[in-house]
Amino acid sequence: MYTHKYKSPVGDILLSSDGEFLTGLSFKFNPEDYDQNQNLNSVFESTILWLDTYFSGKKPDFTPLFRMTGTDFQVKVWNLLLKIPYGQTTTYGNIASEFAALTGVKHMSAQAVGGAVGRNKIAIIIPCHRVIGSNGNLTGYAGGINIKEKLLMLEKIFNFKKLKEV
């Protein structure tokens, strides 16, 4: 396992890799979770280029190699997240309907989909931040709602109910 800390405009991000594929991109981590002395590998280099492009306000034209690890259900949901276009959002209910149609089940719970979305280990690249509540509300995000709002605004997405100032 290899790790690298990336300093983004919305906070530090921990990149994880098995040396061949990106396996994690997380906002929440302990400083002990990464080795500051590790050399960059090609997986991190391509991920950093992707993130630099993304945070410059542009849609990256490539995707770093990544490996999803989770249950079959989670991986299917995450693959649906990958279909959400840059600059657009969808709802948990829409993903649940799409999942049901794709798998031939009669009904899929939006809450079950939300649970899988929340376990996405590769934030931003697998765009779980683009999923909002059916009423336009921002809902949970592993990196925090404030970061989700900043990511959506970076993509010039404004079809959500902004957080109220505290």
N, C-alpha and C. Protein backbone atom coordinates (compact mmCIF):
# COMPACT_ATOMS: atom_id res chain seq x y z
N MET A 1 0.84 -1.18 0.00
CA MET A 1 0.00 0.00 0.00
C MET A 1 0.88 1.24 0.00
N TYR A 2 0.58 2.15 -0.89
CA TYR A 2 1.30 3.41 -1.01
C TYR A 2 0.32 4.55 -0.75
N THR A 3 0.81 5.62 -0.19
CA THR A 3 -0.04 6.78 0.07
C THR A 3 0.69 8.06 -0.31
N HIS A 4 -0.11 9.08 -0.58
CA HIS A 4 0.43 10.40 -0.89
C HIS A 4 -0.61 11.43 -0.46
N LYS A 5 -0.16 12.51 0.15
CA LYS A 5 -1.07 13.59 0.53
C LYS A 5 -1.04 14.66 -0.55
N TYR A 6 -2.23 14.98 -1.04
CA TYR A 6 -2.40 16.01 -2.07
C TYR A 6 -3.05 17.22 -1.42
N LYS A 7 -2.47 18.38 -1.62
CA LYS A 7 -3.03 19.62 -1.07
C LYS A 7 -3.95 20.23 -2.13
N SER A 8 -5.25 20.20 -1.84
CA SER A 8 -6.23 20.74 -2.78
C SER A 8 -6.80 22.05 -2.25
N PRO A 9 -7.49 22.80 -3.09
CA PRO A 9 -8.12 24.04 -2.64
C PRO A 9 -9.23 23.82 -1.60
N VAL A 10 -9.71 22.59 -1.47
CA VAL A 10 -10.78 22.30 -0.50
C VAL A 10 -10.27 21.49 0.68
N GLY A 11 -8.96 21.32 0.78
CA GLY A 11 -8.37 20.59 1.91
C GLY A 11 -7.48 19.46 1.44
N ASP A 12 -6.74 18.90 2.39
CA ASP A 12 -5.84 17.80 2.07
C ASP A 12 -6.63 16.55 1.69
N ILE A 13 -6.07 15.82 0.73
CA ILE A 13 -6.67 14.58 0.24
C ILE A 13 -5.61 13.49 0.34
N LEU A 14 -5.99 12.34 0.87
CA LEU A 14 -5.08 11.20 0.93
C LEU A 14 -5.34 10.31 -0.27
N LEU A 15 -4.30 10.12 -1.08
CA LEU A 15 -4.35 9.19 -2.21
C LEU A 15 -3.76 7.87 -1.75
N SER A 16 -4.39 6.77 -2.11
CA SER A 16 -3.89 5.44 -1.79
C SER A 16 -3.76 4.64 -3.07
N SER A 17 -2.76 3.78 -3.11
CA SER A 17 -2.50 2.99 -4.31
C SER A 17 -1.91 1.65 -3.91
N ASP A 18 -2.17 0.65 -4.75
CA ASP A 18 -1.52 -0.64 -4.56
C ASP A 18 -0.25 -0.73 -5.41
N GLY A 19 0.14 0.40 -6.01
CA GLY A 19 1.32 0.46 -6.85
C GLY A 19 0.98 0.36 -8.33
N GLU A 20 -0.19 -0.17 -8.61
CA GLU A 20 -0.64 -0.33 -9.99
C GLU A 20 -1.88 0.50 -10.28
N PHE A 21 -2.77 0.59 -9.27
CA PHE A 21 -4.04 1.29 -9.41
C PHE A 21 -4.26 2.22 -8.22
N LEU A 22 -5.00 3.30 -8.46
CA LEU A 22 -5.49 4.13 -7.37
C LEU A 22 -6.56 3.32 -6.64
N THR A 23 -6.46 3.24 -5.33
CA THR A 23 -7.44 2.48 -4.55
C THR A 23 -8.21 3.36 -3.58
N GLY A 24 -7.77 4.59 -3.39
CA GLY A 24 -8.47 5.48 -2.48
C GLY A 24 -8.15 6.93 -2.74
N LEU A 25 -9.15 7.77 -2.50
CA LEU A 25 -9.00 9.22 -2.58
C LEU A 25 -9.95 9.75 -1.51
N SER A 26 -9.40 10.19 -0.40
CA SER A 26 -10.22 10.49 0.77
C SER A 26 -9.86 11.83 1.40
N PHE A 27 -10.89 12.55 1.85
CA PHE A 27 -10.70 13.81 2.57
C PHE A 27 -10.46 13.58 4.05
N LYS A 28 -10.99 12.51 4.59
CA LYS A 28 -10.90 12.26 6.04
C LYS A 28 -9.87 11.17 6.28
N PHE A 29 -8.80 11.52 6.97
CA PHE A 29 -7.76 10.55 7.28
C PHE A 29 -6.92 11.06 8.44
N ASN A 30 -6.21 10.15 9.05
CA ASN A 30 -5.27 10.51 10.13
C ASN A 30 -3.91 10.78 9.51
N PRO A 31 -3.17 11.77 10.01
CA PRO A 31 -1.84 12.03 9.47
C PRO A 31 -0.94 10.80 9.50
N GLU A 32 -1.18 9.89 10.42
CA GLU A 32 -0.37 8.67 10.51
C GLU A 32 -0.67 7.70 9.36
N ASP A 33 -1.73 7.98 8.58
CA ASP A 33 -2.13 7.08 7.51
C ASP A 33 -1.25 7.18 6.26
N TYR A 34 -0.36 8.13 6.24
CA TYR A 34 0.47 8.24 5.04
C TYR A 34 1.94 8.40 5.42
N ASP A 35 2.79 7.97 4.51
CA ASP A 35 4.24 8.03 4.69
C ASP A 35 4.76 9.22 3.89
N GLN A 36 5.21 10.25 4.57
CA GLN A 36 5.65 11.48 3.90
C GLN A 36 6.89 11.27 3.06
N ASN A 37 7.60 10.19 3.26
CA ASN A 37 8.87 9.98 2.55
C ASN A 37 8.73 9.11 1.29
N GLN A 38 7.50 8.69 0.96
CA GLN A 38 7.33 7.84 -0.22
C GLN A 38 7.54 8.65 -1.49
N ASN A 39 8.12 8.00 -2.48
CA ASN A 39 8.27 8.61 -3.79
C ASN A 39 6.95 8.51 -4.54
N LEU A 40 6.71 9.45 -5.42
CA LEU A 40 5.50 9.38 -6.25
C LEU A 40 5.63 8.22 -7.23
N ASN A 41 4.54 7.46 -7.37
CA ASN A 41 4.53 6.43 -8.41
C ASN A 41 3.67 6.95 -9.56
N SER A 42 3.65 6.23 -10.66
CA SER A 42 2.94 6.71 -11.85
C SER A 42 1.44 6.86 -11.60
N VAL A 43 0.89 6.03 -10.70
CA VAL A 43 -0.53 6.15 -10.36
C VAL A 43 -0.79 7.51 -9.71
N PHE A 44 0.06 7.89 -8.77
CA PHE A 44 -0.11 9.18 -8.10
C PHE A 44 0.14 10.33 -9.07
N GLU A 45 1.13 10.19 -9.93
CA GLU A 45 1.42 11.25 -10.89
C GLU A 45 0.21 11.52 -11.79
N SER A 46 -0.43 10.47 -12.30
CA SER A 46 -1.59 10.67 -13.17
C SER A 46 -2.78 11.19 -12.37
N THR A 47 -2.93 10.75 -11.13
CA THR A 47 -4.02 11.24 -10.28
C THR A 47 -3.83 12.71 -9.95
N ILE A 48 -2.60 13.10 -9.65
CA ILE A 48 -2.30 14.50 -9.36
C ILE A 48 -2.58 15.38 -10.59
N LEU A 49 -2.21 14.91 -11.76
CA LEU A 49 -2.50 15.66 -12.99
C LEU A 49 -4.02 15.79 -13.17
N TRP A 50 -4.76 14.72 -12.92
CA TRP A 50 -6.22 14.75 -13.01
C TRP A 50 -6.77 15.77 -12.02
N LEU A 51 -6.32 15.69 -10.76
CA LEU A 51 -6.81 16.61 -9.72
C LEU A 51 -6.44 18.06 -10.02
N ASP A 52 -5.22 18.29 -10.49
CA ASP A 52 -4.81 19.65 -10.85
C ASP A 52 -5.72 20.22 -11.94
N THR A 53 -6.03 19.40 -12.93
CA THR A 53 -6.93 19.82 -14.01
C THR A 53 -8.32 20.11 -13.45
N TYR A 54 -8.83 19.19 -12.65
CA TYR A 54 -10.16 19.33 -12.06
C TYR A 54 -10.25 20.61 -11.22
N PHE A 55 -9.28 20.81 -10.33
CA PHE A 55 -9.33 21.98 -9.45
C PHE A 55 -9.03 23.29 -10.17
N SER A 56 -8.56 23.22 -11.42
CA SER A 56 -8.39 24.44 -12.21
C SER A 56 -9.72 24.84 -12.85
N GLY A 57 -10.78 24.03 -12.61
CA GLY A 57 -12.10 24.34 -13.15
C GLY A 57 -12.37 23.73 -14.50
N LYS A 58 -11.52 22.80 -14.91
CA LYS A 58 -11.70 22.15 -16.21
C LYS A 58 -12.06 20.68 -16.02
N LYS A 59 -12.77 20.14 -16.99
CA LYS A 59 -13.11 18.72 -16.98
C LYS A 59 -11.88 17.94 -17.47
N PRO A 60 -11.33 17.04 -16.64
CA PRO A 60 -10.19 16.24 -17.10
C PRO A 60 -10.60 15.37 -18.29
N ASP A 61 -9.69 15.20 -19.25
CA ASP A 61 -10.01 14.42 -20.44
C ASP A 61 -9.47 12.99 -20.37
N PHE A 62 -9.12 12.56 -19.17
CA PHE A 62 -8.67 11.19 -18.95
C PHE A 62 -9.05 10.81 -17.52
N THR A 63 -8.95 9.54 -17.22
CA THR A 63 -9.23 9.07 -15.86
C THR A 63 -8.05 8.22 -15.40
N PRO A 64 -7.51 8.50 -14.23
CA PRO A 64 -6.42 7.66 -13.72
C PRO A 64 -6.91 6.21 -13.55
N LEU A 65 -5.98 5.29 -13.66
CA LEU A 65 -6.34 3.89 -13.43
C LEU A 65 -6.71 3.71 -11.97
N PHE A 66 -7.89 3.13 -11.73
CA PHE A 66 -8.30 2.90 -10.35
C PHE A 66 -8.92 1.52 -10.23
N ARG A 67 -8.95 1.05 -9.00
CA ARG A 67 -9.53 -0.26 -8.69
C ARG A 67 -10.56 -0.05 -7.58
N MET A 68 -11.81 -0.45 -7.87
CA MET A 68 -12.87 -0.37 -6.87
C MET A 68 -12.88 -1.65 -6.05
N THR A 69 -12.94 -1.50 -4.74
CA THR A 69 -13.07 -2.67 -3.87
C THR A 69 -14.29 -2.47 -2.99
N GLY A 70 -15.21 -3.39 -3.09
CA GLY A 70 -16.45 -3.34 -2.32
C GLY A 70 -17.32 -4.53 -2.68
N THR A 71 -18.53 -4.52 -2.18
CA THR A 71 -19.46 -5.60 -2.50
C THR A 71 -19.90 -5.45 -3.96
N ASP A 72 -20.50 -6.48 -4.51
CA ASP A 72 -21.02 -6.39 -5.88
C ASP A 72 -22.01 -5.24 -6.01
N PHE A 73 -22.88 -5.11 -5.01
CA PHE A 73 -23.87 -4.03 -5.02
C PHE A 73 -23.18 -2.67 -5.05
N GLN A 74 -22.21 -2.47 -4.17
CA GLN A 74 -21.51 -1.18 -4.12
C GLN A 74 -20.83 -0.87 -5.45
N VAL A 75 -20.14 -1.84 -6.02
CA VAL A 75 -19.43 -1.62 -7.27
C VAL A 75 -20.41 -1.26 -8.39
N LYS A 76 -21.57 -1.91 -8.41
CA LYS A 76 -22.58 -1.57 -9.43
C LYS A 76 -23.07 -0.13 -9.25
N VAL A 77 -23.30 0.27 -8.01
CA VAL A 77 -23.72 1.65 -7.75
C VAL A 77 -22.61 2.61 -8.16
N TRP A 78 -21.38 2.32 -7.79
CA TRP A 78 -20.26 3.21 -8.13
C TRP A 78 -20.10 3.34 -9.64
N ASN A 79 -20.34 2.26 -10.38
CA ASN A 79 -20.27 2.34 -11.83
C ASN A 79 -21.36 3.26 -12.38
N LEU A 80 -22.52 3.28 -11.73
CA LEU A 80 -23.56 4.22 -12.14
C LEU A 80 -23.14 5.66 -11.85
N LEU A 81 -22.42 5.88 -10.75
CA LEU A 81 -21.92 7.22 -10.45
C LEU A 81 -21.00 7.72 -11.56
N LEU A 82 -20.22 6.82 -12.11
CA LEU A 82 -19.28 7.20 -13.18
C LEU A 82 -19.99 7.73 -14.42
N LYS A 83 -21.28 7.43 -14.55
CA LYS A 83 -22.05 7.88 -15.70
C LYS A 83 -22.63 9.29 -15.53
N ILE A 84 -22.50 9.85 -14.32
CA ILE A 84 -23.02 11.20 -14.09
C ILE A 84 -22.06 12.18 -14.75
N PRO A 85 -22.51 12.92 -15.74
CA PRO A 85 -21.60 13.83 -16.45
C PRO A 85 -21.06 14.95 -15.56
N TYR A 86 -19.86 15.36 -15.87
CA TYR A 86 -19.25 16.54 -15.25
C TYR A 86 -20.22 17.70 -15.40
N GLY A 87 -20.42 18.44 -14.31
CA GLY A 87 -21.28 19.61 -14.36
C GLY A 87 -22.76 19.30 -14.22
N GLN A 88 -23.12 18.06 -13.88
CA GLN A 88 -24.52 17.70 -13.71
C GLN A 88 -24.70 16.92 -12.41
N THR A 89 -25.93 16.87 -11.94
CA THR A 89 -26.23 16.09 -10.75
C THR A 89 -27.34 15.10 -11.05
N THR A 90 -27.52 14.19 -10.12
CA THR A 90 -28.66 13.28 -10.14
C THR A 90 -29.07 13.06 -8.69
N THR A 91 -30.11 12.29 -8.49
CA THR A 91 -30.59 12.02 -7.13
C THR A 91 -30.37 10.55 -6.78
N TYR A 92 -30.44 10.27 -5.50
CA TYR A 92 -30.35 8.89 -5.04
C TYR A 92 -31.49 8.07 -5.64
N GLY A 93 -32.67 8.67 -5.73
CA GLY A 93 -33.82 7.98 -6.31
C GLY A 93 -33.60 7.62 -7.77
N ASN A 94 -33.00 8.54 -8.53
CA ASN A 94 -32.71 8.26 -9.94
C ASN A 94 -31.72 7.11 -10.07
N ILE A 95 -30.71 7.12 -9.23
CA ILE A 95 -29.73 6.03 -9.28
C ILE A 95 -30.39 4.71 -8.90
N ALA A 96 -31.27 4.74 -7.89
CA ALA A 96 -31.98 3.53 -7.48
C ALA A 96 -32.83 2.99 -8.64
N SER A 97 -33.52 3.87 -9.34
CA SER A 97 -34.34 3.45 -10.49
C SER A 97 -33.47 2.88 -11.60
N GLU A 98 -32.35 3.54 -11.85
CA GLU A 98 -31.43 3.06 -12.89
C GLU A 98 -30.85 1.69 -12.50
N PHE A 99 -30.51 1.54 -11.22
CA PHE A 99 -29.99 0.26 -10.72
C PHE A 99 -31.03 -0.84 -10.90
N ALA A 100 -32.28 -0.56 -10.53
CA ALA A 100 -33.35 -1.55 -10.66
C ALA A 100 -33.52 -1.97 -12.11
N ALA A 101 -33.54 -1.00 -13.02
CA ALA A 101 -33.70 -1.31 -14.44
C ALA A 101 -32.52 -2.12 -14.96
N LEU A 102 -31.33 -1.77 -14.52
CA LEU A 102 -30.12 -2.45 -14.97
C LEU A 102 -30.05 -3.89 -14.50
N THR A 103 -30.48 -4.12 -13.27
CA THR A 103 -30.35 -5.46 -12.67
C THR A 103 -31.61 -6.30 -12.76
N GLY A 104 -32.71 -5.69 -13.21
CA GLY A 104 -33.95 -6.43 -13.35
C GLY A 104 -34.72 -6.63 -12.06
N VAL A 105 -34.35 -5.89 -11.01
CA VAL A 105 -35.12 -5.98 -9.77
C VAL A 105 -36.31 -5.04 -9.88
N LYS A 106 -37.37 -5.36 -9.14
CA LYS A 106 -38.60 -4.58 -9.22
C LYS A 106 -38.43 -3.18 -8.64
N HIS A 107 -37.74 -3.10 -7.52
CA HIS A 107 -37.57 -1.82 -6.83
C HIS A 107 -36.24 -1.82 -6.09
N MET A 108 -35.59 -0.68 -6.08
CA MET A 108 -34.35 -0.51 -5.30
C MET A 108 -34.54 0.69 -4.41
N SER A 109 -34.15 0.54 -3.17
CA SER A 109 -34.28 1.60 -2.18
C SER A 109 -33.24 2.70 -2.41
N ALA A 110 -33.69 3.94 -2.40
CA ALA A 110 -32.78 5.08 -2.49
C ALA A 110 -31.85 5.11 -1.28
N GLN A 111 -32.34 4.65 -0.13
CA GLN A 111 -31.50 4.61 1.07
C GLN A 111 -30.37 3.60 0.92
N ALA A 112 -30.67 2.45 0.32
CA ALA A 112 -29.62 1.45 0.09
C ALA A 112 -28.56 2.00 -0.86
N VAL A 113 -29.02 2.68 -1.90
CA VAL A 113 -28.10 3.32 -2.84
C VAL A 113 -27.26 4.36 -2.10
N GLY A 114 -27.90 5.14 -1.24
CA GLY A 114 -27.17 6.15 -0.46
C GLY A 114 -26.08 5.54 0.40
N GLY A 115 -26.38 4.37 0.97
CA GLY A 115 -25.36 3.68 1.77
C GLY A 115 -24.15 3.29 0.93
N ALA A 116 -24.41 2.81 -0.28
CA ALA A 116 -23.30 2.43 -1.17
C ALA A 116 -22.54 3.67 -1.63
N VAL A 117 -23.26 4.73 -1.96
CA VAL A 117 -22.61 5.98 -2.39
C VAL A 117 -21.69 6.48 -1.28
N GLY A 118 -22.15 6.39 -0.05
CA GLY A 118 -21.36 6.86 1.08
C GLY A 118 -20.12 6.03 1.37
N ARG A 119 -20.04 4.85 0.79
CA ARG A 119 -18.87 3.99 1.00
C ARG A 119 -17.88 4.04 -0.17
N ASN A 120 -18.12 4.96 -1.09
CA ASN A 120 -17.20 5.16 -2.21
C ASN A 120 -15.83 5.53 -1.67
N LYS A 121 -14.81 4.78 -2.05
CA LYS A 121 -13.45 5.01 -1.54
C LYS A 121 -12.64 5.95 -2.43
N ILE A 122 -13.18 6.28 -3.61
CA ILE A 122 -12.41 7.10 -4.56
C ILE A 122 -13.23 8.35 -4.88
N ALA A 123 -13.25 9.27 -3.92
CA ALA A 123 -14.04 10.50 -4.05
C ALA A 123 -13.58 11.30 -5.27
N ILE A 124 -14.45 12.15 -5.73
CA ILE A 124 -14.28 13.08 -6.86
C ILE A 124 -14.17 12.32 -8.18
N ILE A 125 -13.23 11.42 -8.33
CA ILE A 125 -13.08 10.68 -9.58
C ILE A 125 -14.30 9.80 -9.81
N ILE A 126 -14.75 9.09 -8.79
CA ILE A 126 -16.06 8.44 -8.80
C ILE A 126 -16.97 9.47 -8.13
N PRO A 127 -17.73 10.21 -8.93
CA PRO A 127 -18.32 11.48 -8.47
C PRO A 127 -19.55 11.38 -7.56
N CYS A 128 -19.35 10.88 -6.37
CA CYS A 128 -20.45 10.80 -5.41
C CYS A 128 -20.94 12.18 -4.99
N HIS A 129 -20.11 13.20 -5.15
CA HIS A 129 -20.53 14.56 -4.79
C HIS A 129 -21.62 15.08 -5.71
N ARG A 130 -21.84 14.44 -6.85
CA ARG A 130 -22.86 14.88 -7.81
C ARG A 130 -24.24 14.31 -7.50
N VAL A 131 -24.36 13.59 -6.39
CA VAL A 131 -25.65 13.02 -6.01
C VAL A 131 -26.26 13.89 -4.91
N ILE A 132 -27.47 14.38 -5.18
CA ILE A 132 -28.16 15.25 -4.23
C ILE A 132 -29.51 14.65 -3.88
N GLY A 133 -30.15 15.21 -2.87
CA GLY A 133 -31.47 14.75 -2.46
C GLY A 133 -32.53 15.10 -3.50
N SER A 134 -33.65 14.39 -3.46
CA SER A 134 -34.71 14.58 -4.46
C SER A 134 -35.29 16.00 -4.42
N ASN A 135 -35.19 16.66 -3.28
CA ASN A 135 -35.71 18.02 -3.16
C ASN A 135 -34.63 19.07 -3.43
N GLY A 136 -33.48 18.63 -3.90
CA GLY A 136 -32.38 19.54 -4.21
C GLY A 136 -31.45 19.81 -3.05
N ASN A 137 -31.75 19.23 -1.88
CA ASN A 137 -30.89 19.43 -0.71
C ASN A 137 -29.58 18.68 -0.87
N LEU A 138 -28.53 19.30 -0.35
CA LEU A 138 -27.27 18.57 -0.24
C LEU A 138 -27.45 17.56 0.89
N THR A 139 -26.99 16.38 0.65
CA THR A 139 -27.08 15.32 1.66
C THR A 139 -25.67 14.92 2.03
N GLY A 140 -25.54 13.92 2.87
CA GLY A 140 -24.24 13.52 3.39
C GLY A 140 -23.14 13.39 2.36
N TYR A 141 -21.94 13.66 2.82
CA TYR A 141 -20.75 13.50 1.99
C TYR A 141 -19.60 13.18 2.93
N ALA A 142 -18.86 12.14 2.62
CA ALA A 142 -17.79 11.69 3.52
C ALA A 142 -16.77 12.80 3.80
N GLY A 143 -16.55 13.68 2.85
CA GLY A 143 -15.61 14.78 3.05
C GLY A 143 -16.22 15.96 3.78
N GLY A 144 -17.53 15.92 3.97
CA GLY A 144 -18.24 17.02 4.61
C GLY A 144 -19.08 17.78 3.59
N ILE A 145 -20.24 18.24 4.04
CA ILE A 145 -21.17 18.96 3.15
C ILE A 145 -20.53 20.22 2.55
N ASN A 146 -19.71 20.92 3.32
CA ASN A 146 -19.08 22.13 2.80
C ASN A 146 -18.19 21.82 1.59
N ILE A 147 -17.47 20.70 1.66
CA ILE A 147 -16.61 20.32 0.53
C ILE A 147 -17.48 19.91 -0.66
N LYS A 148 -18.57 19.18 -0.40
CA LYS A 148 -19.47 18.79 -1.49
C LYS A 148 -19.99 20.04 -2.20
N GLU A 149 -20.40 21.04 -1.44
CA GLU A 149 -20.89 22.28 -2.02
C GLU A 149 -19.80 22.95 -2.87
N LYS A 150 -18.57 22.99 -2.38
CA LYS A 150 -17.47 23.62 -3.13
C LYS A 150 -17.18 22.86 -4.42
N LEU A 151 -17.24 21.53 -4.38
CA LEU A 151 -17.00 20.73 -5.59
C LEU A 151 -18.09 20.99 -6.63
N LEU A 152 -19.33 21.03 -6.19
CA LEU A 152 -20.43 21.31 -7.12
C LEU A 152 -20.28 22.70 -7.74
N MET A 153 -19.93 23.67 -6.93
CA MET A 153 -19.77 25.03 -7.45
C MET A 153 -18.56 25.13 -8.39
N LEU A 154 -17.52 24.37 -8.11
CA LEU A 154 -16.37 24.34 -9.00
C LEU A 154 -16.78 23.85 -10.39
N GLU A 155 -17.73 22.90 -10.42
CA GLU A 155 -18.23 22.37 -11.69
C GLU A 155 -19.36 23.23 -12.26
N LYS A 156 -19.60 24.38 -11.61
CA LYS A 156 -20.65 25.31 -12.03
C LYS A 156 -22.03 24.67 -11.98
N ILE A 157 -22.24 23.87 -10.93
CA ILE A 157 -23.53 23.25 -10.67
C ILE A 157 -24.22 24.08 -9.58
N PHE A 158 -25.42 24.56 -9.87
CA PHE A 158 -26.13 25.41 -8.91
C PHE A 158 -27.56 24.93 -8.66
N ASN A 159 -27.88 23.70 -9.07
CA ASN A 159 -29.26 23.22 -8.91
C ASN A 159 -29.50 22.54 -7.56
N PHE A 160 -28.82 23.00 -6.55
CA PHE A 160 -28.99 22.43 -5.22
C PHE A 160 -29.28 23.56 -4.25
N LYS A 161 -29.83 23.19 -3.12
CA LYS A 161 -30.10 24.19 -2.09
C LYS A 161 -28.83 24.40 -1.28
N LYS A 162 -28.31 25.61 -1.37
CA LYS A 162 -27.05 25.93 -0.70
C LYS A 162 -27.21 25.85 0.81
N LEU A 163 -26.11 25.61 1.46
CA LEU A 163 -26.10 25.61 2.92
C LEU A 163 -26.36 26.99 3.44
N LYS A 164 -27.05 27.05 4.56
CA LYS A 164 -27.27 28.35 5.20
C LYS A 164 -26.05 28.70 6.01
N GLU A 165 -25.71 29.97 5.98
CA GLU A 165 -24.58 30.44 6.78
C GLU A 165 -24.91 30.27 8.25
N VAL A 166 -23.91 29.82 9.01
CA VAL A 166 -24.12 29.60 10.44
C VAL A 166 -23.59 30.78 11.20
